[in-house]
């Protein structure tokens, strides 16, 4: 189901229905040691063939600090 009003078309099958997701990952050695996810990605997945593309999203310092204290 489309969460956001994107004009997305799957490059593999030309399908226009998709799902939006989110993934966070560590960015470097210190963030791995302290288990802080400093990188954020948005995923767009074709509902027909499950082909997924990831796009880097901006992260805010406040969310990184929150991650540090809640992990």
N, C-alpha and C. Protein backbone atom coordinates (compact mmCIF):
# COMPACT_ATOMS: atom_id res chain seq x y z
N UNK A 1 0.84 -1.17 0.00
CA UNK A 1 0.00 0.00 0.00
C UNK A 1 0.89 1.24 0.00
N UNK A 2 0.53 2.25 -0.71
CA UNK A 2 1.33 3.46 -0.83
C UNK A 2 1.13 4.35 0.37
N UNK A 3 2.21 4.53 1.19
CA UNK A 3 2.16 5.38 2.37
C UNK A 3 2.36 6.84 2.00
N UNK A 4 3.16 7.06 1.01
CA UNK A 4 3.54 8.40 0.59
C UNK A 4 3.11 8.58 -0.86
N UNK A 5 2.82 9.79 -1.23
CA UNK A 5 2.41 10.05 -2.61
C UNK A 5 3.64 10.15 -3.50
N UNK A 6 4.20 8.99 -3.87
CA UNK A 6 5.36 8.92 -4.75
C UNK A 6 4.91 8.60 -6.17
N UNK A 7 5.64 9.07 -7.11
CA UNK A 7 5.40 8.72 -8.50
C UNK A 7 6.40 7.62 -8.86
N UNK A 8 6.26 6.46 -8.22
CA UNK A 8 7.22 5.38 -8.38
C UNK A 8 6.71 4.33 -9.36
N UNK A 9 7.60 3.89 -10.24
CA UNK A 9 7.34 2.79 -11.15
C UNK A 9 8.51 1.82 -11.03
N UNK A 10 8.20 0.57 -10.82
CA UNK A 10 9.25 -0.45 -10.68
C UNK A 10 10.07 -0.51 -11.97
N UNK A 11 11.40 -0.41 -11.87
CA UNK A 11 12.23 -0.46 -13.09
C UNK A 11 12.29 -1.86 -13.70
N UNK A 12 11.90 -2.89 -12.96
CA UNK A 12 11.96 -4.26 -13.46
C UNK A 12 10.69 -4.67 -14.21
N UNK A 13 9.51 -4.32 -13.62
CA UNK A 13 8.26 -4.82 -14.21
C UNK A 13 7.25 -3.71 -14.53
N UNK A 14 7.62 -2.46 -14.26
CA UNK A 14 6.77 -1.28 -14.54
C UNK A 14 5.51 -1.22 -13.67
N UNK A 15 5.45 -2.00 -12.60
CA UNK A 15 4.33 -1.97 -11.66
C UNK A 15 4.34 -0.64 -10.90
N UNK A 16 3.17 -0.11 -10.55
CA UNK A 16 3.10 1.18 -9.86
C UNK A 16 2.67 1.05 -8.40
N UNK A 17 2.41 -0.16 -7.91
CA UNK A 17 2.06 -0.32 -6.49
C UNK A 17 3.31 -0.73 -5.73
N UNK A 18 3.49 -0.16 -4.56
CA UNK A 18 4.73 -0.33 -3.81
C UNK A 18 4.47 -0.21 -2.32
N UNK A 19 5.46 -0.60 -1.52
CA UNK A 19 5.46 -0.44 -0.08
C UNK A 19 6.67 0.38 0.31
N UNK A 20 6.51 1.22 1.32
CA UNK A 20 7.61 2.04 1.84
C UNK A 20 8.07 1.44 3.16
N UNK A 21 9.38 1.34 3.35
CA UNK A 21 9.94 0.83 4.60
C UNK A 21 11.10 1.71 5.04
N UNK A 22 11.71 1.32 6.16
CA UNK A 22 12.82 2.09 6.70
C UNK A 22 13.83 1.13 7.32
N UNK A 23 15.10 1.47 7.18
CA UNK A 23 16.17 0.67 7.74
C UNK A 23 17.21 1.61 8.34
N UNK A 24 17.76 1.23 9.48
CA UNK A 24 18.83 2.00 10.09
C UNK A 24 20.05 1.09 10.21
N UNK A 25 21.24 1.69 10.08
CA UNK A 25 22.48 0.92 10.14
C UNK A 25 23.57 1.74 10.81
N UNK A 26 24.61 1.05 11.28
CA UNK A 26 25.75 1.75 11.86
C UNK A 26 26.58 2.34 10.73
N UNK A 27 27.30 3.41 11.05
CA UNK A 27 28.05 4.09 10.01
C UNK A 27 29.55 3.93 10.08
N UNK A 28 30.10 3.60 11.22
CA UNK A 28 31.54 3.49 11.34
C UNK A 28 31.93 2.66 12.55
N UNK A 29 33.22 2.64 12.86
CA UNK A 29 33.74 1.81 13.95
C UNK A 29 33.13 2.19 15.29
N UNK A 30 33.15 3.48 15.64
CA UNK A 30 32.61 3.89 16.95
C UNK A 30 31.12 3.63 17.06
N UNK A 31 30.39 3.87 15.99
CA UNK A 31 28.96 3.61 16.05
C UNK A 31 28.68 2.11 16.16
N UNK A 32 29.56 1.27 15.62
CA UNK A 32 29.41 -0.18 15.78
C UNK A 32 29.70 -0.60 17.21
N UNK A 33 30.75 -0.02 17.79
CA UNK A 33 31.11 -0.36 19.17
C UNK A 33 29.99 0.01 20.14
N UNK A 34 29.42 1.21 19.97
CA UNK A 34 28.37 1.68 20.87
C UNK A 34 26.97 1.33 20.40
N UNK A 35 26.86 0.57 19.30
CA UNK A 35 25.59 0.12 18.74
C UNK A 35 24.64 1.30 18.50
N UNK A 36 25.15 2.31 17.79
CA UNK A 36 24.36 3.48 17.43
C UNK A 36 24.16 3.46 15.92
N UNK A 37 22.91 3.50 15.50
CA UNK A 37 22.60 3.48 14.08
C UNK A 37 22.58 4.92 13.55
N UNK A 38 23.65 5.31 12.87
CA UNK A 38 23.77 6.68 12.39
C UNK A 38 23.31 6.85 10.95
N UNK A 39 23.15 5.75 10.24
CA UNK A 39 22.72 5.80 8.85
C UNK A 39 21.25 5.39 8.76
N UNK A 40 20.49 6.12 7.95
CA UNK A 40 19.06 5.82 7.79
C UNK A 40 18.75 5.70 6.30
N UNK A 41 17.99 4.66 5.94
CA UNK A 41 17.64 4.42 4.55
C UNK A 41 16.13 4.20 4.44
N UNK A 42 15.56 4.69 3.36
CA UNK A 42 14.17 4.44 3.04
C UNK A 42 14.14 3.41 1.92
N UNK A 43 13.27 2.41 2.06
CA UNK A 43 13.17 1.39 1.02
C UNK A 43 11.84 1.53 0.29
N UNK A 44 11.87 1.24 -1.00
CA UNK A 44 10.67 1.19 -1.82
C UNK A 44 10.64 -0.20 -2.44
N UNK A 45 9.58 -0.98 -2.13
CA UNK A 45 9.48 -2.36 -2.59
C UNK A 45 8.28 -2.53 -3.51
N UNK A 46 8.53 -3.06 -4.68
CA UNK A 46 7.47 -3.38 -5.64
C UNK A 46 6.58 -4.46 -5.03
N UNK A 47 5.26 -4.22 -5.00
CA UNK A 47 4.35 -5.20 -4.41
C UNK A 47 4.20 -6.45 -5.27
N UNK A 48 4.49 -6.36 -6.55
CA UNK A 48 4.32 -7.52 -7.44
C UNK A 48 5.52 -8.47 -7.37
N UNK A 49 6.73 -7.95 -7.61
CA UNK A 49 7.92 -8.79 -7.70
C UNK A 49 8.83 -8.69 -6.49
N UNK A 50 8.53 -7.81 -5.53
CA UNK A 50 9.31 -7.62 -4.30
C UNK A 50 10.72 -7.08 -4.56
N UNK A 51 10.91 -6.48 -5.73
CA UNK A 51 12.18 -5.80 -6.02
C UNK A 51 12.26 -4.59 -5.09
N UNK A 52 13.39 -4.38 -4.43
CA UNK A 52 13.53 -3.31 -3.44
C UNK A 52 14.70 -2.40 -3.79
N UNK A 53 14.47 -1.10 -3.69
CA UNK A 53 15.52 -0.10 -3.84
C UNK A 53 15.65 0.65 -2.52
N UNK A 54 16.90 1.01 -2.17
CA UNK A 54 17.15 1.77 -0.95
C UNK A 54 17.65 3.16 -1.30
N UNK A 55 17.16 4.15 -0.55
CA UNK A 55 17.56 5.54 -0.72
C UNK A 55 18.02 6.06 0.62
N UNK A 56 19.18 6.73 0.63
CA UNK A 56 19.71 7.27 1.87
C UNK A 56 18.87 8.46 2.30
N UNK A 57 18.49 8.45 3.58
CA UNK A 57 17.69 9.53 4.15
C UNK A 57 18.54 10.29 5.15
N UNK A 58 18.19 11.52 5.41
CA UNK A 58 18.94 12.32 6.38
C UNK A 58 18.56 11.90 7.79
N UNK A 59 19.55 11.94 8.70
CA UNK A 59 19.30 11.63 10.10
C UNK A 59 19.52 12.89 10.91
N UNK A 60 18.85 12.96 12.03
CA UNK A 60 18.98 14.11 12.92
C UNK A 60 19.81 13.72 14.13
N UNK A 61 20.56 14.67 14.66
CA UNK A 61 21.41 14.41 15.81
C UNK A 61 20.59 13.92 17.00
N UNK A 62 19.39 14.47 17.18
CA UNK A 62 18.54 14.08 18.30
C UNK A 62 18.18 12.60 18.25
N UNK A 63 17.87 12.08 17.07
CA UNK A 63 17.53 10.66 16.95
C UNK A 63 18.76 9.80 17.22
N UNK A 64 19.95 10.27 16.82
CA UNK A 64 21.18 9.52 17.11
C UNK A 64 21.46 9.48 18.60
N UNK A 65 21.24 10.58 19.30
CA UNK A 65 21.43 10.63 20.76
C UNK A 65 20.43 9.70 21.43
N UNK A 66 19.17 9.74 20.97
CA UNK A 66 18.14 8.86 21.53
C UNK A 66 18.53 7.41 21.35
N UNK A 67 19.04 7.04 20.16
CA UNK A 67 19.49 5.67 19.90
C UNK A 67 20.61 5.27 20.87
N UNK A 68 21.54 6.18 21.14
CA UNK A 68 22.66 5.89 22.03
C UNK A 68 22.18 5.53 23.43
N UNK A 69 21.21 6.29 23.96
CA UNK A 69 20.76 6.08 25.33
C UNK A 69 19.72 4.96 25.46
N UNK A 70 19.09 4.56 24.39
CA UNK A 70 18.08 3.51 24.49
C UNK A 70 18.62 2.14 24.11
N UNK A 71 19.82 2.03 23.59
CA UNK A 71 20.38 0.72 23.22
C UNK A 71 21.07 0.07 24.37
